[in-house]
Amino acid sequence: MIDTRQNILFVFPGQGSQYLGMGQDLCQKYETARNIYQQAGEVVGYDIQELCFNGPEEQLNLTRHTQPALLTHSIACLQVFRELTEGRMQPAMAAGHSLGEYSALVAADALSFEDALRLVQQRGELMGAHGEGEMTAFPLGIDTVRPIAERFHCAVAGCNLPEQTVIGGRPEDLARVEEAVAEAFPRKRAVRLKTEGAFHTYYMVTAARHYRAVLEEAEFDAPDIRVLSNFTGGFHEPEAESIRSRLFFQLFHPVLWHANLQNALAEGIDMIIEFGGGIGPGEPDAKRPNLEGIIKKAMRGTEHAAEYLAAINCQSLESAIDGILNRANTSQRSPK
């Protein structure tokens, strides 16, 4: 029998974890994945499978395409995982980084896959049309980076770890922040991120104003499991209006991902499974999970520990399930 413990966290990555060929291995092997991609194409109005598998890559990397593509891949991974585990690996909670929060809400049955696709498609279009700027990640704490960023009209866009903060602003302003940080902290290396705008900062306010009306039209249900909010760092309240408002504010406020992880771990989570996306070179089976490094660093030096598994492609998904089955079989054979 498959392990059915209830202290599991499902996590979903955000923009930046897309790649050409994403989902192709799943669709070649699993009808469930093919159905998800076909359904997504009908909703968004173009062949999302062709775009994900064959590109062109510059089109896949446009925010309006990236967001529905990543949501589709994450949910395809999730549904194949559920099929292979016969739905017995039920999570206690779900979380997603930025865009991934929508995948988490789908996993919690607070939002249908179709409605989530419509939301992120319009979200991506608005972010691309009304946003500006770029983003840089710094290996420094928020209290250290924020004063320097604000001196040059930049803003905090995310806190992934106590010593990893993302800043957003115009390219020329970010360059001045990077220069100031390099002078003050010569051993700390900043990384400019490839985005279409300064997401989760005041540069997204106009996009958020338009997006509010889109959110109002979407139907939300009370989540079956608890879902973490990037905006607050804590858990979503079950009311639809509250979920809508937090997704609205998420668009132009920092992603409090480290707070999300700490809140999940404090609840006794002992297994974390990541679905979708991938980073690094090579074919789908060679990709690495986007959130793994952050998650494992967040657990270091704390009293909290949780097993981490990836389900981002055929290889990792099947390996995770094999490990779960082997552990369950060993547990059943062990003397009581």
C-alpha atoms as a PDB file:
ATOM      1  CA  MET A   1       0.000   0.000   0.000  1.00  0.00           C
ATOM      2  CA  ILE A   2       1.179   3.531  -0.788  1.00  0.00           C
ATOM      3  CA  ASP A   3       2.194   5.780   2.103  1.00  0.00           C
ATOM      4  CA  THR A   4      -0.879   7.820   3.020  1.00  0.00           C
ATOM      5  CA  ARG A   5       0.517  10.162   5.651  1.00  0.00           C
ATOM      6  CA  GLN A   6      -1.078  13.591   5.714  1.00  0.00           C
ATOM      7  CA  ASN A   7       1.878  15.894   6.474  1.00  0.00           C
ATOM      8  CA  ILE A   8       2.934  16.509   2.868  1.00  0.00           C
ATOM      9  CA  LEU A   9       3.487  19.851   1.130  1.00  0.00           C
ATOM     10  CA  PHE A  10       3.023  20.155  -2.644  1.00  0.00           C
ATOM     11  CA  VAL A  11       5.044  23.024  -4.176  1.00  0.00           C
ATOM     12  CA  PHE A  12       4.982  24.584  -7.642  1.00  0.00           C
ATOM     13  CA  PRO A  13       7.633  26.779  -9.337  1.00  0.00           C
ATOM     14  CA  GLY A  14       7.121  30.109 -11.061  1.00  0.00           C
ATOM     15  CA  GLN A  15       8.376  31.959 -14.093  1.00  0.00           C
ATOM     16  CA  GLY A  16      11.977  31.261 -15.049  1.00  0.00           C
ATOM     17  CA  SER A  17      11.605  27.473 -14.841  1.00  0.00           C
ATOM     18  CA  GLN A  18      10.192  27.090 -18.351  1.00  0.00           C
ATOM     19  CA  TYR A  19      12.209  25.402 -21.107  1.00  0.00           C
ATOM     20  CA  LEU A  20      11.762  24.220 -24.676  1.00  0.00           C
ATOM     21  CA  GLY A  21      10.533  20.614 -24.701  1.00  0.00           C
ATOM     22  CA  MET A  22       8.698  21.015 -21.393  1.00  0.00           C
ATOM     23  CA  GLY A  23       6.138  18.221 -20.969  1.00  0.00           C
ATOM     24  CA  GLN A  24       7.098  16.302 -24.096  1.00  0.00           C
ATOM     25  CA  ASP A  25       8.332  13.244 -22.192  1.00  0.00           C
ATOM     26  CA  LEU A  26       5.137  13.117 -20.127  1.00  0.00           C
ATOM     27  CA  CYS A  27       2.872  13.380 -23.163  1.00  0.00           C
ATOM     28  CA  GLN A  28       4.752  10.652 -25.015  1.00  0.00           C
ATOM     29  CA  LYS A  29       4.097   8.199 -22.167  1.00  0.00           C
ATOM     30  CA  TYR A  30       0.918   9.241 -20.352  1.00  0.00           C
ATOM     31  CA  GLU A  31      -2.532   9.878 -21.807  1.00  0.00           C
ATOM     32  CA  THR A  32      -3.373  11.898 -18.709  1.00  0.00           C
ATOM     33  CA  ALA A  33      -0.695  14.441 -19.618  1.00  0.00           C
ATOM     34  CA  ARG A  34      -1.816  14.561 -23.252  1.00  0.00           C
ATOM     35  CA  ASN A  35      -5.355  15.320 -22.110  1.00  0.00           C
ATOM     36  CA  ILE A  36      -4.139  18.184 -19.915  1.00  0.00           C
ATOM     37  CA  TYR A  37      -2.248  19.779 -22.805  1.00  0.00           C
ATOM     38  CA  GLN A  38      -5.196  19.342 -25.173  1.00  0.00           C
ATOM     39  CA  GLN A  39      -7.529  20.909 -22.610  1.00  0.00           C
ATOM     40  CA  ALA A  40      -5.111  23.810 -22.102  1.00  0.00           C
ATOM     41  CA  GLY A  41      -4.927  24.478 -25.829  1.00  0.00           C
ATOM     42  CA  GLU A  42      -8.709  24.685 -26.068  1.00  0.00           C
ATOM     43  CA  VAL A  43      -8.816  27.213 -23.228  1.00  0.00           C
ATOM     44  CA  VAL A  44      -5.984  29.533 -24.303  1.00  0.00           C
ATOM     45  CA  GLY A  45      -6.879  29.408 -28.002  1.00  0.00           C
ATOM     46  CA  TYR A  46      -3.573  28.244 -29.469  1.00  0.00           C
ATOM     47  CA  ASP A  47      -1.550  25.020 -29.670  1.00  0.00           C
ATOM     48  CA  ILE A  48       0.191  25.230 -26.304  1.00  0.00           C
ATOM     49  CA  GLN A  49       1.654  21.746 -26.761  1.00  0.00           C
ATOM     50  CA  GLU A  50       3.393  22.778 -29.990  1.00  0.00           C
ATOM     51  CA  LEU A  51       4.727  25.938 -28.333  1.00  0.00           C
ATOM     52  CA  CYS A  52       6.054  24.058 -25.298  1.00  0.00           C
ATOM     53  CA  PHE A  53       7.624  21.260 -27.311  1.00  0.00           C
ATOM     54  CA  ASN A  54       8.946  23.069 -30.384  1.00  0.00           C
ATOM     55  CA  GLY A  55       8.826  26.799 -29.677  1.00  0.00           C
ATOM     56  CA  PRO A  56       9.974  29.153 -30.973  1.00  0.00           C
ATOM     57  CA  GLU A  57      11.731  29.664 -27.649  1.00  0.00           C
ATOM     58  CA  GLU A  58      11.421  33.455 -27.734  1.00  0.00           C
ATOM     59  CA  GLN A  59       7.636  33.053 -27.884  1.00  0.00           C
ATOM     60  CA  LEU A  60       7.613  30.583 -24.992  1.00  0.00           C
ATOM     61  CA  ASN A  61       9.606  33.089 -22.936  1.00  0.00           C
ATOM     62  CA  LEU A  62       7.039  35.860 -23.400  1.00  0.00           C
ATOM     63  CA  THR A  63       5.186  36.311 -20.127  1.00  0.00           C
ATOM     64  CA  ARG A  64       1.770  35.887 -21.737  1.00  0.00           C
ATOM     65  CA  HIS A  65       2.825  32.424 -22.970  1.00  0.00           C
ATOM     66  CA  THR A  66       5.162  31.380 -20.161  1.00  0.00           C
ATOM     67  CA  GLN A  67       2.534  31.563 -17.447  1.00  0.00           C
ATOM     68  CA  PRO A  68      -0.108  29.263 -19.001  1.00  0.00           C
ATOM     69  CA  ALA A  69       2.668  26.952 -20.254  1.00  0.00           C
ATOM     70  CA  LEU A  70       4.146  26.493 -16.772  1.00  0.00           C
ATOM     71  CA  LEU A  71       0.737  26.074 -15.165  1.00  0.00           C
ATOM     72  CA  THR A  72      -0.091  23.380 -17.728  1.00  0.00           C
ATOM     73  CA  HIS A  73       3.172  21.528 -17.139  1.00  0.00           C
ATOM     74  CA  SER A  74       2.797  21.652 -13.358  1.00  0.00           C
ATOM     75  CA  ILE A  75      -0.750  20.317 -13.451  1.00  0.00           C
ATOM     76  CA  ALA A  76       0.214  17.613 -15.972  1.00  0.00           C
ATOM     77  CA  CYS A  77       2.960  16.445 -13.577  1.00  0.00           C
ATOM     78  CA  LEU A  78       0.525  16.576 -10.668  1.00  0.00           C
ATOM     79  CA  GLN A  79      -2.195  14.611 -12.459  1.00  0.00           C
ATOM     80  CA  VAL A  80       0.199  11.888 -13.626  1.00  0.00           C
ATOM     81  CA  PHE A  81       1.526  11.631 -10.070  1.00  0.00           C
ATOM     82  CA  ARG A  82      -2.018  11.307  -8.726  1.00  0.00           C
ATOM     83  CA  GLU A  83      -2.821   8.653 -11.306  1.00  0.00           C
ATOM     84  CA  LEU A  84       0.256   6.560 -10.492  1.00  0.00           C
ATOM     85  CA  THR A  85      -0.292   6.837  -6.738  1.00  0.00           C
ATOM     86  CA  GLU A  86      -4.038   6.223  -7.117  1.00  0.00           C
ATOM     87  CA  GLY A  87      -4.660   9.488  -5.281  1.00  0.00           C
ATOM     88  CA  ARG A  88      -3.339   8.104  -1.991  1.00  0.00           C
ATOM     89  CA  MET A  89      -0.570  10.682  -1.478  1.00  0.00           C
ATOM     90  CA  GLN A  90      -2.780  13.463  -0.186  1.00  0.00           C
ATOM     91  CA  PRO A  91      -1.054  16.710   0.861  1.00  0.00           C
ATOM     92  CA  ALA A  92      -1.823  18.698   3.969  1.00  0.00           C
ATOM     93  CA  MET A  93      -1.037  21.963   2.195  1.00  0.00           C
ATOM     94  CA  ALA A  94       0.205  23.497  -1.063  1.00  0.00           C
ATOM     95  CA  ALA A  95       2.385  26.460  -2.010  1.00  0.00           C
ATOM     96  CA  GLY A  96       3.654  28.046  -5.196  1.00  0.00           C
ATOM     97  CA  HIS A  97       6.282  30.633  -6.008  1.00  0.00           C
ATOM     98  CA  SER A  98       4.657  33.633  -7.745  1.00  0.00           C
ATOM     99  CA  LEU A  99       2.823  32.111 -10.740  1.00  0.00           C
ATOM    100  CA  GLY A 100       3.077  28.765  -8.930  1.00  0.00           C
ATOM    101  CA  GLU A 101       0.538  29.977  -6.374  1.00  0.00           C
ATOM    102  CA  TYR A 102      -2.143  29.444  -9.039  1.00  0.00           C
ATOM    103  CA  SER A 103      -1.020  25.837  -9.514  1.00  0.00           C
ATOM    104  CA  ALA A 104      -1.216  25.403  -5.736  1.00  0.00           C
ATOM    105  CA  LEU A 105      -4.798  26.707  -5.738  1.00  0.00           C
ATOM    106  CA  VAL A 106      -5.696  24.245  -8.506  1.00  0.00           C
ATOM    107  CA  ALA A 107      -4.113  21.418  -6.488  1.00  0.00           C
ATOM    108  CA  ALA A 108      -6.283  22.472  -3.530  1.00  0.00           C
ATOM    109  CA  ASP A 109      -9.465  22.545  -5.663  1.00  0.00           C
ATOM    110  CA  ALA A 110      -9.932  26.229  -4.874  1.00  0.00           C
ATOM    111  CA  LEU A 111      -9.682  27.035  -8.573  1.00  0.00           C
ATOM    112  CA  SER A 112     -10.440  24.906 -11.623  1.00  0.00           C
ATOM    113  CA  PHE A 113      -7.639  24.240 -14.101  1.00  0.00           C
ATOM    114  CA  GLU A 114      -9.602  26.031 -16.823  1.00  0.00           C
ATOM    115  CA  ASP A 115     -10.220  29.137 -14.708  1.00  0.00           C
ATOM    116  CA  ALA A 116      -6.604  29.183 -13.578  1.00  0.00           C
ATOM    117  CA  LEU A 117      -5.459  29.087 -17.201  1.00  0.00           C
ATOM    118  CA  ARG A 118      -7.718  32.000 -18.114  1.00  0.00           C
ATOM    119  CA  LEU A 119      -6.442  33.975 -15.144  1.00  0.00           C
ATOM    120  CA  VAL A 120      -2.734  33.440 -15.769  1.00  0.00           C
ATOM    121  CA  GLN A 121      -3.119  34.023 -19.502  1.00  0.00           C
ATOM    122  CA  GLN A 122      -4.621  37.452 -18.851  1.00  0.00           C
ATOM    123  CA  ARG A 123      -2.255  38.061 -15.941  1.00  0.00           C
ATOM    124  CA  GLY A 124       0.707  37.403 -18.232  1.00  0.00           C
ATOM    125  CA  GLU A 125      -0.688  39.628 -20.982  1.00  0.00           C
ATOM    126  CA  LEU A 126      -1.219  42.506 -18.543  1.00  0.00           C
ATOM    127  CA  MET A 127       2.188  42.104 -16.925  1.00  0.00           C
ATOM    128  CA  GLY A 128       3.847  42.146 -20.339  1.00  0.00           C
ATOM    129  CA  ALA A 129       1.795  45.058 -21.660  1.00  0.00           C
ATOM    130  CA  HIS A 130       1.829  47.400 -18.653  1.00  0.00           C
ATOM    131  CA  GLY A 131       4.975  46.453 -16.781  1.00  0.00           C
ATOM    132  CA  GLU A 132       8.511  47.681 -17.249  1.00  0.00           C
ATOM    133  CA  GLY A 133      11.925  47.096 -15.759  1.00  0.00           C
ATOM    134  CA  GLU A 134      13.995  44.035 -14.851  1.00  0.00           C
ATOM    135  CA  MET A 135      15.017  42.067 -11.763  1.00  0.00           C
ATOM    136  CA  THR A 136      18.251  41.188  -9.939  1.00  0.00           C
ATOM    137  CA  ALA A 137      18.852  38.595  -7.210  1.00  0.00           C
ATOM    138  CA  PHE A 138      21.296  39.429  -4.409  1.00  0.00           C
ATOM    139  CA  PRO A 139      22.814  36.979  -1.873  1.00  0.00           C
ATOM    140  CA  LEU A 140      21.999  39.395   0.945  1.00  0.00           C
ATOM    141  CA  GLY A 141      19.255  39.901   3.496  1.00  0.00           C
ATOM    142  CA  ILE A 142      16.286  42.131   2.818  1.00  0.00           C
ATOM    143  CA  ASP A 143      17.252  44.685   5.481  1.00  0.00           C
ATOM    144  CA  THR A 144      20.675  45.048   3.895  1.00  0.00           C
ATOM    145  CA  VAL A 145      19.544  45.380   0.288  1.00  0.00           C
ATOM    146  CA  ARG A 146      16.347  47.392   0.675  1.00  0.00           C
ATOM    147  CA  PRO A 147      17.961  50.745   1.683  1.00  0.00           C
ATOM    148  CA  ILE A 148      20.393  50.542  -1.234  1.00  0.00           C
ATOM    149  CA  ALA A 149      17.633  49.599  -3.684  1.00  0.00           C
ATOM    150  CA  GLU A 150      15.314  52.371  -2.576  1.00  0.00           C
ATOM    151  CA  ARG A 151      18.094  54.938  -2.928  1.00  0.00           C
ATOM    152  CA  PHE A 152      17.942  54.253  -6.671  1.00  0.00           C
ATOM    153  CA  HIS A 153      14.135  53.925  -7.003  1.00  0.00           C
ATOM    154  CA  CYS A 154      14.183  50.113  -6.995  1.00  0.00           C
ATOM    155  CA  ALA A 155      12.014  47.881  -4.808  1.00  0.00           C
ATOM    156  CA  VAL A 156      12.122  44.493  -3.135  1.00  0.00           C
ATOM    157  CA  ALA A 157      10.382  41.895  -5.318  1.00  0.00           C
ATOM    158  CA  GLY A 158      10.952  38.780  -3.255  1.00  0.00           C
ATOM    159  CA  CYS A 159      12.550  37.258  -0.189  1.00  0.00           C
ATOM    160  CA  ASN A 160      13.476  33.666  -1.022  1.00  0.00           C
ATOM    161  CA  LEU A 161      15.872  33.096   1.881  1.00  0.00           C
ATOM    162  CA  PRO A 162      17.255  35.152   4.768  1.00  0.00           C
ATOM    163  CA  GLU A 163      20.276  35.810   2.550  1.00  0.00           C
ATOM    164  CA  GLN A 164      18.603  35.914  -0.887  1.00  0.00           C
ATOM    165  CA  THR A 165      16.602  38.967  -1.910  1.00  0.00           C
ATOM    166  CA  VAL A 166      15.270  39.901  -5.356  1.00  0.00           C
ATOM    167  CA  ILE A 167      15.052  43.544  -6.420  1.00  0.00           C
ATOM    168  CA  GLY A 168      13.105  45.083  -9.309  1.00  0.00           C
ATOM    169  CA  GLY A 169      13.524  48.347 -11.179  1.00  0.00           C
ATOM    170  CA  ARG A 170      14.530  49.986 -14.440  1.00  0.00           C
ATOM    171  CA  PRO A 171      17.682  48.473 -15.981  1.00  0.00           C
ATOM    172  CA  GLU A 172      19.744  51.620 -15.427  1.00  0.00           C
ATOM    173  CA  ASP A 173      18.603  51.888 -11.819  1.00  0.00           C
ATOM    174  CA  LEU A 174      19.349  48.230 -11.160  1.00  0.00           C
ATOM    175  CA  ALA A 175      22.829  48.735 -12.574  1.00  0.00           C
ATOM    176  CA  ARG A 176      23.428  51.450  -9.992  1.00  0.00           C
ATOM    177  CA  VAL A 177      22.174  49.185  -7.203  1.00  0.00           C
ATOM    178  CA  GLU A 178      24.429  46.379  -8.422  1.00  0.00           C
ATOM    179  CA  GLU A 179      27.396  48.744  -8.493  1.00  0.00           C
ATOM    180  CA  ALA A 180      26.690  50.014  -4.980  1.00  0.00           C
ATOM    181  CA  VAL A 181      26.289  46.483  -3.607  1.00  0.00           C
ATOM    182  CA  ALA A 182      29.487  45.311  -5.325  1.00  0.00           C
ATOM    183  CA  GLU A 183      31.388  48.192  -3.738  1.00  0.00           C
ATOM    184  CA  ALA A 184      29.980  47.514  -0.258  1.00  0.00           C
ATOM    185  CA  PHE A 185      30.050  43.704  -0.508  1.00  0.00           C
ATOM    186  CA  PRO A 186      32.719  42.753  -3.089  1.00  0.00           C
ATOM    187  CA  ARG A 187      32.359  39.015  -2.464  1.00  0.00           C
ATOM    188  CA  LYS A 188      28.601  38.985  -3.060  1.00  0.00           C
ATOM    189  CA  ARG A 189      27.638  38.268  -6.674  1.00  0.00           C
ATOM    190  CA  ALA A 190      24.398  39.700  -8.051  1.00  0.00           C
ATOM    191  CA  VAL A 191      22.515  37.857 -10.807  1.00  0.00           C
ATOM    192  CA  ARG A 192      20.349  39.749 -13.311  1.00  0.00           C
ATOM    193  CA  LEU A 193      17.214  37.732 -14.072  1.00  0.00           C
ATOM    194  CA  LYS A 194      15.586  37.311 -17.485  1.00  0.00           C
ATOM    195  CA  THR A 195      12.119  38.790 -17.050  1.00  0.00           C
ATOM    196  CA  GLU A 196       9.876  41.135 -19.025  1.00  0.00           C
ATOM    197  CA  GLY A 197       9.429  43.461 -16.086  1.00  0.00           C
ATOM    198  CA  ALA A 198      10.053  44.282 -12.442  1.00  0.00           C
ATOM    199  CA  PHE A 199       7.473  41.799 -11.218  1.00  0.00           C
ATOM    200  CA  HIS A 200       6.060  42.092  -7.687  1.00  0.00           C
ATOM    201  CA  THR A 201       7.018  45.770  -7.380  1.00  0.00           C
ATOM    202  CA  TYR A 202       5.266  49.109  -7.916  1.00  0.00           C
ATOM    203  CA  TYR A 203       6.025  48.751 -11.637  1.00  0.00           C
ATOM    204  CA  MET A 204       3.145  46.230 -11.747  1.00  0.00           C
ATOM    205  CA  VAL A 205       0.514  48.541 -10.213  1.00  0.00           C
ATOM    206  CA  THR A 206      -1.129  49.409 -13.533  1.00  0.00           C
ATOM    207  CA  ALA A 207      -1.259  45.740 -14.528  1.00  0.00           C
ATOM    208  CA  ALA A 208      -2.795  44.920 -11.142  1.00  0.00           C
ATOM    209  CA  ARG A 209      -5.495  47.575 -11.536  1.00  0.00           C
ATOM    210  CA  HIS A 210      -6.604  45.978 -14.798  1.00  0.00           C
ATOM    211  CA  TYR A 211      -6.224  42.488 -13.372  1.00  0.00           C
ATOM    212  CA  ARG A 212      -8.593  43.160 -10.481  1.00  0.00           C
ATOM    213  CA  ALA A 213     -11.587  43.025 -12.827  1.00  0.00           C
ATOM    214  CA  VAL A 214     -10.314  39.725 -14.247  1.00  0.00           C
ATOM    215  CA  LEU A 215     -10.059  38.242 -10.758  1.00  0.00           C
ATOM    216  CA  GLU A 216     -13.598  39.356  -9.948  1.00  0.00           C
ATOM    217  CA  GLU A 217     -14.948  37.231 -12.801  1.00  0.00           C
ATOM    218  CA  ALA A 218     -13.182  34.036 -11.711  1.00  0.00           C
ATOM    219  CA  GLU A 219     -14.933  31.501  -9.514  1.00  0.00           C
ATOM    220  CA  PHE A 220     -13.053  30.465  -6.373  1.00  0.00           C
ATOM    221  CA  ASP A 221     -14.065  27.773  -3.902  1.00  0.00           C
ATOM    222  CA  ALA A 222     -12.879  27.151  -0.360  1.00  0.00           C
ATOM    223  CA  PRO A 223      -9.611  25.133  -0.650  1.00  0.00           C
ATOM    224  CA  ASP A 224      -9.741  21.461   0.322  1.00  0.00           C
ATOM    225  CA  ILE A 225      -6.294  21.895   1.885  1.00  0.00           C
ATOM    226  CA  ARG A 226      -4.472  24.942   3.190  1.00  0.00           C
ATOM    227  CA  VAL A 227      -2.672  27.073   0.599  1.00  0.00           C
ATOM    228  CA  LEU A 228       0.123  29.502   1.391  1.00  0.00           C
ATOM    229  CA  SER A 229      -0.069  33.109   0.223  1.00  0.00           C
ATOM    230  CA  ASN A 230       2.999  34.823  -1.262  1.00  0.00           C
ATOM    231  CA  PHE A 231       1.587  38.202  -0.261  1.00  0.00           C
ATOM    232  CA  THR A 232       1.190  37.534   3.467  1.00  0.00           C
ATOM    233  CA  GLY A 233       3.676  34.701   3.933  1.00  0.00           C
ATOM    234  CA  GLY A 234       0.940  32.842   5.846  1.00  0.00           C
ATOM    235  CA  PHE A 235      -2.048  30.769   4.795  1.00  0.00           C
ATOM    236  CA  HIS A 236      -4.932  31.889   2.618  1.00  0.00           C
ATOM    237  CA  GLU A 237      -8.245  32.326   4.338  1.00  0.00           C
ATOM    238  CA  PRO A 238     -10.939  30.101   2.798  1.00  0.00           C
ATOM    239  CA  GLU A 239     -13.216  32.908   1.582  1.00  0.00           C
ATOM    240  CA  ALA A 240     -13.160  33.604  -2.163  1.00  0.00           C
ATOM    241  CA  GLU A 241     -12.975  37.370  -1.704  1.00  0.00           C
ATOM    242  CA  SER A 242      -9.901  37.019   0.496  1.00  0.00           C
ATOM    243  CA  ILE A 243      -8.135  34.792  -2.029  1.00  0.00           C
ATOM    244  CA  ARG A 244      -8.901  37.274  -4.815  1.00  0.00           C
ATOM    245  CA  SER A 245      -7.531  40.216  -2.834  1.00  0.00           C
ATOM    246  CA  ARG A 246      -4.313  38.429  -1.939  1.00  0.00           C
ATOM    247  CA  LEU A 247      -3.711  37.430  -5.562  1.00  0.00           C
ATOM    248  CA  PHE A 248      -4.314  41.068  -6.515  1.00  0.00           C
ATOM    249  CA  PHE A 249      -1.767  42.363  -4.005  1.00  0.00           C
ATOM    250  CA  GLN A 250       0.678  39.584  -4.860  1.00  0.00           C
ATOM    251  CA  LEU A 251       1.151  41.141  -8.286  1.00  0.00           C
ATOM    252  CA  PHE A 252       2.852  44.278  -6.940  1.00  0.00           C
ATOM    253  CA  HIS A 253       4.197  43.162  -3.550  1.00  0.00           C
ATOM    254  CA  PRO A 254       7.224  40.993  -2.710  1.00  0.00           C
ATOM    255  CA  VAL A 255       6.945  37.212  -2.823  1.00  0.00           C
ATOM    256  CA  LEU A 256       7.502  36.105   0.786  1.00  0.00           C
ATOM    257  CA  TRP A 257       8.645  32.630  -0.138  1.00  0.00           C
ATOM    258  CA  HIS A 258      10.919  32.077   2.856  1.00  0.00           C
ATOM    259  CA  ALA A 259       8.023  32.907   5.165  1.00  0.00           C
ATOM    260  CA  ASN A 260       5.855  30.433   3.238  1.00  0.00           C
ATOM    261  CA  LEU A 261       8.420  27.673   3.777  1.00  0.00           C
ATOM    262  CA  GLN A 262       8.910  28.475   7.453  1.00  0.00           C
ATOM    263  CA  ASN A 263       5.164  28.418   8.085  1.00  0.00           C
ATOM    264  CA  ALA A 264       4.842  25.050   6.343  1.00  0.00           C
ATOM    265  CA  LEU A 265       7.760  23.520   8.242  1.00  0.00           C
ATOM    266  CA  ALA A 266       6.437  24.845  11.543  1.00  0.00           C
ATOM    267  CA  GLU A 267       3.281  22.808  10.908  1.00  0.00           C
ATOM    268  CA  GLY A 268       5.311  19.583  10.995  1.00  0.00           C
ATOM    269  CA  ILE A 269       5.598  18.968   7.253  1.00  0.00           C
ATOM    270  CA  ASP A 270       7.892  15.984   6.721  1.00  0.00           C
ATOM    271  CA  MET A 271       7.688  15.573   2.937  1.00  0.00           C
ATOM    272  CA  ILE A 272       7.836  18.191   0.156  1.00  0.00           C
ATOM    273  CA  ILE A 273       7.089  17.308  -3.478  1.00  0.00           C
ATOM    274  CA  GLU A 274       7.789  19.769  -6.305  1.00  0.00           C
ATOM    275  CA  PHE A 275       5.758  19.610  -9.529  1.00  0.00           C
ATOM    276  CA  GLY A 276       6.604  21.154 -12.902  1.00  0.00           C
ATOM    277  CA  GLY A 277       9.200  23.287 -14.610  1.00  0.00           C
ATOM    278  CA  GLY A 278      12.923  22.608 -14.646  1.00  0.00           C
ATOM    279  CA  ILE A 279      16.286  24.337 -14.901  1.00  0.00           C
ATOM    280  CA  GLY A 280      19.673  23.517 -16.367  1.00  0.00           C
ATOM    281  CA  PRO A 281      20.821  22.171 -19.737  1.00  0.00           C
ATOM    282  CA  GLY A 282      19.740  19.052 -21.571  1.00  0.00           C
ATOM    283  CA  GLU A 283      16.591  17.090 -22.294  1.00  0.00           C
ATOM    284  CA  PRO A 284      13.593  16.989 -19.917  1.00  0.00           C
ATOM    285  CA  ASP A 285      14.989  14.044 -17.935  1.00  0.00           C
ATOM    286  CA  ALA A 286      18.189  16.011 -17.236  1.00  0.00           C
ATOM    287  CA  LYS A 287      16.457  19.073 -15.796  1.00  0.00           C
ATOM    288  CA  ARG A 288      16.820  20.013 -12.141  1.00  0.00           C
ATOM    289  CA  PRO A 289      13.952  21.234  -9.951  1.00  0.00           C
ATOM    290  CA  ASN A 290      13.707  25.004  -9.672  1.00  0.00           C
ATOM    291  CA  LEU A 291      12.874  25.262  -5.977  1.00  0.00           C
ATOM    292  CA  GLU A 292      14.974  22.424  -4.554  1.00  0.00           C
ATOM    293  CA  GLY A 293      18.008  24.524  -3.637  1.00  0.00           C
ATOM    294  CA  ILE A 294      15.970  27.194  -1.865  1.00  0.00           C
ATOM    295  CA  ILE A 295      13.914  24.620   0.012  1.00  0.00           C
ATOM    296  CA  LYS A 296      16.929  22.676   1.256  1.00  0.00           C
ATOM    297  CA  LYS A 297      18.773  25.844   2.278  1.00  0.00           C
ATOM    298  CA  ALA A 298      15.695  26.998   4.197  1.00  0.00           C
ATOM    299  CA  MET A 299      15.841  23.816   6.278  1.00  0.00           C
ATOM    300  CA  ARG A 300      19.545  24.050   7.139  1.00  0.00           C
ATOM    301  CA  GLY A 301      20.330  25.046  10.675  1.00  0.00           C
ATOM    302  CA  THR A 302      16.709  24.712  11.791  1.00  0.00           C
ATOM    303  CA  GLU A 303      14.931  22.120  13.880  1.00  0.00           C
ATOM    304  CA  HIS A 304      12.671  21.379  10.935  1.00  0.00           C
ATOM    305  CA  ALA A 305      13.474  18.609   8.468  1.00  0.00           C
ATOM    306  CA  ALA A 306      11.446  17.275   5.571  1.00  0.00           C
ATOM    307  CA  GLU A 307      12.173  14.806   2.809  1.00  0.00           C
ATOM    308  CA  TYR A 308      12.264  16.470  -0.617  1.00  0.00           C
ATOM    309  CA  LEU A 309      11.074  14.771  -3.815  1.00  0.00           C
ATOM    310  CA  ALA A 310      10.789  16.083  -7.378  1.00  0.00           C
ATOM    311  CA  ALA A 311       8.045  15.235  -9.866  1.00  0.00           C
ATOM    312  CA  ILE A 312       9.035  17.500 -12.756  1.00  0.00           C
ATOM    313  CA  ASN A 313       9.482  14.987 -15.599  1.00  0.00           C
ATOM    314  CA  CYS A 314       9.071  11.257 -16.279  1.00  0.00           C
ATOM    315  CA  GLN A 315      12.402  10.317 -14.743  1.00  0.00           C
ATOM    316  CA  SER A 316      12.017  12.201 -11.471  1.00  0.00           C
ATOM    317  CA  LEU A 317       8.313  11.442 -11.146  1.00  0.00           C
ATOM    318  CA  GLU A 318       8.743   7.692 -11.554  1.00  0.00           C
ATOM    319  CA  SER A 319      11.807   7.691  -9.303  1.00  0.00           C
ATOM    320  CA  ALA A 320       9.860   9.489  -6.561  1.00  0.00           C
ATOM    321  CA  ILE A 321       7.013   6.998  -6.770  1.00  0.00           C
ATOM    322  CA  ASP A 322       9.413   4.020  -6.734  1.00  0.00           C
ATOM    323  CA  GLY A 323      10.974   5.395  -3.559  1.00  0.00           C
ATOM    324  CA  ILE A 324       7.576   5.880  -1.944  1.00  0.00           C
ATOM    325  CA  LEU A 325       6.473   2.339  -2.861  1.00  0.00           C
ATOM    326  CA  ASN A 326       9.729   0.773  -1.656  1.00  0.00           C
ATOM    327  CA  ARG A 327       9.475   2.560   1.655  1.00  0.00           C
ATOM    328  CA  ALA A 328       5.849   1.495   2.062  1.00  0.00           C
ATOM    329  CA  ASN A 329       6.702  -2.140   1.304  1.00  0.00           C
ATOM    330  CA  THR A 330       9.611  -2.086   3.755  1.00  0.00           C
ATOM    331  CA  SER A 331       7.377  -0.611   6.435  1.00  0.00           C
ATOM    332  CA  GLN A 332       4.792  -3.373   5.907  1.00  0.00           C
ATOM    333  CA  ARG A 333       7.464  -6.096   6.214  1.00  0.00           C
ATOM    334  CA  SER A 334       8.990  -4.606   9.360  1.00  0.00           C
ATOM    335  CA  PRO A 335       8.011  -6.327  12.644  1.00  0.00           C
ATOM    336  CA  LYS A 336       5.525  -4.393  14.725  1.00  0.00           C
END
